[in-house]
């Protein structure tokens, strides 16, 4: 199901998914960055929340290109993670997300 959704979103246009399945980390990262709300709900149904949080922290947490998306994810999808990162980072994301 997840790979079919990825194909429909054309997130992996550069190579053939039928021959080489992307790693779970790549799949999760692409959904977190480019998926809509329905996609994210589906992601959390198919992957462990702790794994998703770990991948978010590793790949997106400090990426300023995704300020709004990070704030959205923290507010609605990763509420437990708010306790594990500095509140100043959350406030910075909130401030920067509302400025743009």
N, C-alpha and C. Protein backbone atom coordinates (compact mmCIF):
# COMPACT_ATOMS: atom_id res chain seq x y z
N UNK A 1 0.83 -1.21 0.00
CA UNK A 1 0.00 0.00 0.00
C UNK A 1 0.86 1.26 0.00
N UNK A 2 1.86 1.28 0.85
CA UNK A 2 2.71 2.46 0.97
C UNK A 2 3.48 2.71 -0.32
N UNK A 3 4.04 1.66 -0.90
CA UNK A 3 4.79 1.84 -2.14
C UNK A 3 3.90 2.28 -3.29
N UNK A 4 2.68 1.79 -3.34
CA UNK A 4 1.75 2.23 -4.38
C UNK A 4 1.47 3.72 -4.25
N UNK A 5 1.31 4.16 -3.01
CA UNK A 5 1.07 5.59 -2.78
C UNK A 5 2.28 6.40 -3.21
N UNK A 6 3.48 5.91 -2.89
CA UNK A 6 4.69 6.61 -3.31
C UNK A 6 4.77 6.72 -4.82
N UNK A 7 4.42 5.65 -5.49
CA UNK A 7 4.44 5.69 -6.95
C UNK A 7 3.44 6.70 -7.48
N UNK A 8 2.27 6.76 -6.87
CA UNK A 8 1.26 7.71 -7.34
C UNK A 8 1.68 9.16 -7.08
N UNK A 9 2.45 9.38 -6.02
CA UNK A 9 2.95 10.73 -5.73
C UNK A 9 4.18 11.08 -6.56
N UNK A 10 4.73 10.08 -7.23
CA UNK A 10 5.91 10.24 -8.08
C UNK A 10 7.11 10.76 -7.29
N UNK A 11 7.23 10.27 -6.04
CA UNK A 11 8.34 10.68 -5.20
C UNK A 11 9.64 9.96 -5.56
N UNK A 12 9.52 8.84 -6.24
CA UNK A 12 10.70 8.08 -6.63
C UNK A 12 10.76 7.93 -8.14
N UNK A 13 10.65 9.02 -8.83
CA UNK A 13 10.64 9.02 -10.29
C UNK A 13 12.00 8.62 -10.86
N UNK A 14 13.06 8.74 -10.08
CA UNK A 14 14.40 8.54 -10.61
C UNK A 14 14.83 7.07 -10.71
N UNK A 15 14.09 6.17 -10.11
CA UNK A 15 14.44 4.76 -10.26
C UNK A 15 13.22 3.87 -10.15
N UNK A 16 13.39 2.62 -10.54
CA UNK A 16 12.31 1.65 -10.63
C UNK A 16 12.06 0.98 -9.28
N UNK A 17 10.95 1.32 -8.63
CA UNK A 17 10.62 0.76 -7.33
C UNK A 17 10.38 -0.75 -7.42
N UNK A 18 9.89 -1.21 -8.54
CA UNK A 18 9.61 -2.64 -8.67
C UNK A 18 10.88 -3.49 -8.61
N UNK A 19 12.02 -2.90 -8.95
CA UNK A 19 13.29 -3.63 -8.89
C UNK A 19 14.05 -3.39 -7.60
N UNK A 20 13.97 -2.18 -7.07
CA UNK A 20 14.73 -1.82 -5.87
C UNK A 20 13.83 -1.07 -4.90
N UNK A 21 13.39 -1.76 -3.86
CA UNK A 21 12.52 -1.12 -2.86
C UNK A 21 13.35 -0.15 -2.03
N UNK A 22 12.90 1.08 -1.88
CA UNK A 22 13.62 2.04 -1.04
C UNK A 22 13.59 1.58 0.42
N UNK A 23 14.56 2.01 1.18
CA UNK A 23 14.61 1.66 2.61
C UNK A 23 13.43 2.31 3.34
N UNK A 24 13.10 1.76 4.49
CA UNK A 24 12.02 2.34 5.30
C UNK A 24 12.33 3.78 5.65
N UNK A 25 13.59 4.08 5.92
CA UNK A 25 13.96 5.45 6.27
C UNK A 25 13.65 6.41 5.12
N UNK A 26 13.96 6.01 3.92
CA UNK A 26 13.69 6.86 2.75
C UNK A 26 12.19 7.03 2.55
N UNK A 27 11.44 5.94 2.70
CA UNK A 27 9.99 6.00 2.55
C UNK A 27 9.39 6.96 3.57
N UNK A 28 9.76 6.79 4.83
CA UNK A 28 9.21 7.65 5.89
C UNK A 28 9.59 9.10 5.64
N UNK A 29 10.84 9.35 5.32
CA UNK A 29 11.28 10.72 5.08
C UNK A 29 10.50 11.39 3.95
N UNK A 30 10.28 10.68 2.86
CA UNK A 30 9.54 11.24 1.74
C UNK A 30 8.09 11.55 2.12
N UNK A 31 7.47 10.66 2.87
CA UNK A 31 6.10 10.91 3.32
C UNK A 31 6.06 12.11 4.26
N UNK A 32 7.00 12.21 5.19
CA UNK A 32 7.02 13.32 6.13
C UNK A 32 7.21 14.65 5.40
N UNK A 33 8.05 14.65 4.39
CA UNK A 33 8.34 15.90 3.68
C UNK A 33 7.25 16.30 2.70
N UNK A 34 6.67 15.32 2.00
CA UNK A 34 5.81 15.67 0.88
C UNK A 34 4.38 15.13 0.96
N UNK A 35 4.09 14.34 1.97
CA UNK A 35 2.76 13.77 2.07
C UNK A 35 1.75 14.76 2.64
N UNK A 36 0.50 14.57 2.26
CA UNK A 36 -0.55 15.39 2.85
C UNK A 36 -1.06 14.69 4.12
N UNK A 37 -2.08 15.23 4.73
CA UNK A 37 -2.58 14.69 6.00
C UNK A 37 -3.00 13.23 5.87
N UNK A 38 -3.70 12.89 4.81
CA UNK A 38 -4.12 11.49 4.60
C UNK A 38 -2.91 10.58 4.46
N UNK A 39 -1.90 11.05 3.77
CA UNK A 39 -0.68 10.26 3.60
C UNK A 39 0.00 10.01 4.95
N UNK A 40 0.04 11.05 5.78
CA UNK A 40 0.68 10.92 7.08
C UNK A 40 -0.08 9.96 7.99
N UNK A 41 -1.39 9.99 7.93
CA UNK A 41 -2.20 9.04 8.70
C UNK A 41 -1.87 7.62 8.26
N UNK A 42 -1.78 7.43 6.96
CA UNK A 42 -1.44 6.11 6.41
C UNK A 42 -0.03 5.69 6.84
N UNK A 43 0.89 6.64 6.86
CA UNK A 43 2.25 6.36 7.28
C UNK A 43 2.27 5.82 8.71
N UNK A 44 1.53 6.47 9.61
CA UNK A 44 1.51 6.05 11.00
C UNK A 44 0.80 4.72 11.19
N UNK A 45 -0.03 4.33 10.25
CA UNK A 45 -0.66 3.01 10.30
C UNK A 45 0.32 1.91 9.90
N UNK A 46 1.28 2.26 9.04
CA UNK A 46 2.19 1.28 8.48
C UNK A 46 3.57 1.22 9.13
N UNK A 47 3.92 2.22 9.91
CA UNK A 47 5.23 2.26 10.56
C UNK A 47 5.07 2.59 12.03
N UNK A 48 6.03 2.15 12.81
CA UNK A 48 6.05 2.41 14.25
C UNK A 48 6.30 3.89 14.51
N UNK A 49 5.54 4.47 15.43
CA UNK A 49 5.67 5.88 15.74
C UNK A 49 7.06 6.27 16.22
N UNK A 50 7.70 5.40 17.00
CA UNK A 50 9.05 5.70 17.48
C UNK A 50 10.04 5.73 16.33
N UNK A 51 9.87 4.83 15.37
CA UNK A 51 10.74 4.81 14.20
C UNK A 51 10.55 6.08 13.38
N UNK A 52 9.30 6.50 13.21
CA UNK A 52 9.01 7.73 12.47
C UNK A 52 9.65 8.93 13.16
N UNK A 53 9.51 9.00 14.48
CA UNK A 53 10.11 10.11 15.23
C UNK A 53 11.63 10.12 15.09
N UNK A 54 12.24 8.95 15.16
CA UNK A 54 13.70 8.87 15.04
C UNK A 54 14.16 9.33 13.66
N UNK A 55 13.43 8.93 12.64
CA UNK A 55 13.77 9.35 11.27
C UNK A 55 13.56 10.85 11.12
N UNK A 56 12.49 11.37 11.68
CA UNK A 56 12.24 12.82 11.62
C UNK A 56 13.39 13.57 12.28
N UNK A 57 13.80 13.11 13.46
CA UNK A 57 14.89 13.79 14.17
C UNK A 57 16.18 13.75 13.36
N UNK A 58 16.45 12.63 12.72
CA UNK A 58 17.69 12.46 11.97
C UNK A 58 17.70 13.26 10.66
N UNK A 59 16.56 13.31 9.98
CA UNK A 59 16.57 13.86 8.62
C UNK A 59 15.91 15.22 8.46
N UNK A 60 15.00 15.60 9.35
CA UNK A 60 14.23 16.82 9.11
C UNK A 60 14.28 17.86 10.21
N UNK A 61 14.55 17.43 11.42
CA UNK A 61 14.42 18.32 12.58
C UNK A 61 15.12 19.66 12.39
N UNK A 62 16.32 19.65 11.88
CA UNK A 62 17.09 20.89 11.75
C UNK A 62 17.16 21.41 10.32
N UNK A 63 16.31 20.90 9.46
CA UNK A 63 16.30 21.32 8.06
C UNK A 63 15.36 22.52 7.90
N UNK A 64 15.93 23.68 7.73
CA UNK A 64 15.14 24.91 7.66
C UNK A 64 14.28 25.02 6.41
N UNK A 65 14.49 24.14 5.44
CA UNK A 65 13.64 24.15 4.25
C UNK A 65 12.24 23.64 4.56
N UNK A 66 12.08 22.96 5.69
CA UNK A 66 10.80 22.35 6.03
C UNK A 66 10.25 22.89 7.35
N UNK A 67 10.40 24.19 7.59
CA UNK A 67 9.97 24.78 8.85
C UNK A 67 8.47 24.59 9.09
N UNK A 68 7.67 24.92 8.12
CA UNK A 68 6.22 24.79 8.29
C UNK A 68 5.82 23.34 8.46
N UNK A 69 6.39 22.46 7.66
CA UNK A 69 6.07 21.04 7.75
C UNK A 69 6.50 20.49 9.10
N UNK A 70 7.68 20.90 9.59
CA UNK A 70 8.14 20.44 10.90
C UNK A 70 7.20 20.90 12.01
N UNK A 71 6.79 22.15 11.93
CA UNK A 71 5.86 22.66 12.95
C UNK A 71 4.54 21.89 12.89
N UNK A 72 4.03 21.66 11.70
CA UNK A 72 2.79 20.90 11.52
C UNK A 72 2.94 19.49 12.10
N UNK A 73 4.04 18.83 11.77
CA UNK A 73 4.27 17.48 12.28
C UNK A 73 4.35 17.46 13.79
N UNK A 74 5.05 18.43 14.36
CA UNK A 74 5.17 18.49 15.83
C UNK A 74 3.82 18.74 16.49
N UNK A 75 3.05 19.59 15.89
CA UNK A 75 1.77 19.97 16.50
C UNK A 75 0.73 18.85 16.43
N UNK A 76 0.68 18.13 15.31
CA UNK A 76 -0.41 17.19 15.11
C UNK A 76 -0.02 15.71 15.07
N UNK A 77 1.20 15.41 14.68
CA UNK A 77 1.55 14.01 14.49
C UNK A 77 2.63 13.50 15.44
N UNK A 78 3.45 14.35 15.95
CA UNK A 78 4.54 13.91 16.80
C UNK A 78 4.49 14.59 18.17
N UNK A 79 3.34 14.58 18.84
CA UNK A 79 3.25 15.34 20.09
C UNK A 79 4.20 14.84 21.18
N UNK A 80 4.52 13.58 21.20
CA UNK A 80 5.43 13.06 22.23
C UNK A 80 6.85 13.57 22.04
N UNK A 81 7.20 13.83 20.81
CA UNK A 81 8.56 14.27 20.52
C UNK A 81 8.82 15.68 21.05
N UNK A 82 7.79 16.46 21.24
CA UNK A 82 7.96 17.82 21.74
C UNK A 82 8.69 17.81 23.07
N UNK A 83 8.49 16.77 23.85
CA UNK A 83 9.12 16.69 25.17
C UNK A 83 10.59 16.37 25.07
N UNK A 84 11.03 15.81 23.94
CA UNK A 84 12.41 15.37 23.82
C UNK A 84 13.32 16.38 23.15
N UNK A 85 12.77 17.44 22.59
CA UNK A 85 13.63 18.46 21.99
C UNK A 85 13.44 19.76 22.75
N UNK A 86 14.36 20.66 22.54
CA UNK A 86 14.31 21.92 23.26
C UNK A 86 13.08 22.72 22.89
N UNK A 87 12.44 23.31 23.89
CA UNK A 87 11.26 24.13 23.61
C UNK A 87 11.62 25.36 22.79
N UNK A 88 12.86 25.79 22.87
CA UNK A 88 13.27 26.94 22.06
C UNK A 88 13.22 26.61 20.58
N UNK A 89 13.54 25.38 20.22
CA UNK A 89 13.47 24.96 18.81
C UNK A 89 12.02 24.99 18.33
N UNK A 90 11.11 24.53 19.17
CA UNK A 90 9.69 24.53 18.80
C UNK A 90 9.21 25.97 18.62
N UNK A 91 9.60 26.84 19.54
CA UNK A 91 9.20 28.25 19.43
C UNK A 91 9.78 28.89 18.18
N UNK A 92 11.04 28.55 17.85
CA UNK A 92 11.66 29.09 16.64
C UNK A 92 10.91 28.61 15.40
N UNK A 93 10.58 27.32 15.36
CA UNK A 93 9.83 26.79 14.23
C UNK A 93 8.48 27.49 14.10
N UNK A 94 7.81 27.68 15.23
CA UNK A 94 6.49 28.33 15.22
C UNK A 94 6.61 29.75 14.68
N UNK A 95 7.59 30.48 15.17
CA UNK A 95 7.78 31.86 14.75
C UNK A 95 8.12 31.94 13.27
N UNK A 96 9.06 31.12 12.83
CA UNK A 96 9.46 31.15 11.42
C UNK A 96 8.34 30.66 10.49
N UNK A 97 7.58 29.67 10.94
CA UNK A 97 6.49 29.14 10.11
C UNK A 97 5.39 30.17 9.90
N UNK A 98 5.15 30.99 10.90
CA UNK A 98 4.08 31.98 10.78
C UNK A 98 4.54 33.23 10.02
N UNK A 99 5.84 33.43 9.90
CA UNK A 99 6.36 34.59 9.18
C UNK A 99 6.22 34.45 7.67
N UNK A 100 6.29 33.24 7.17
CA UNK A 100 6.31 33.00 5.71
C UNK A 100 4.94 32.92 5.15
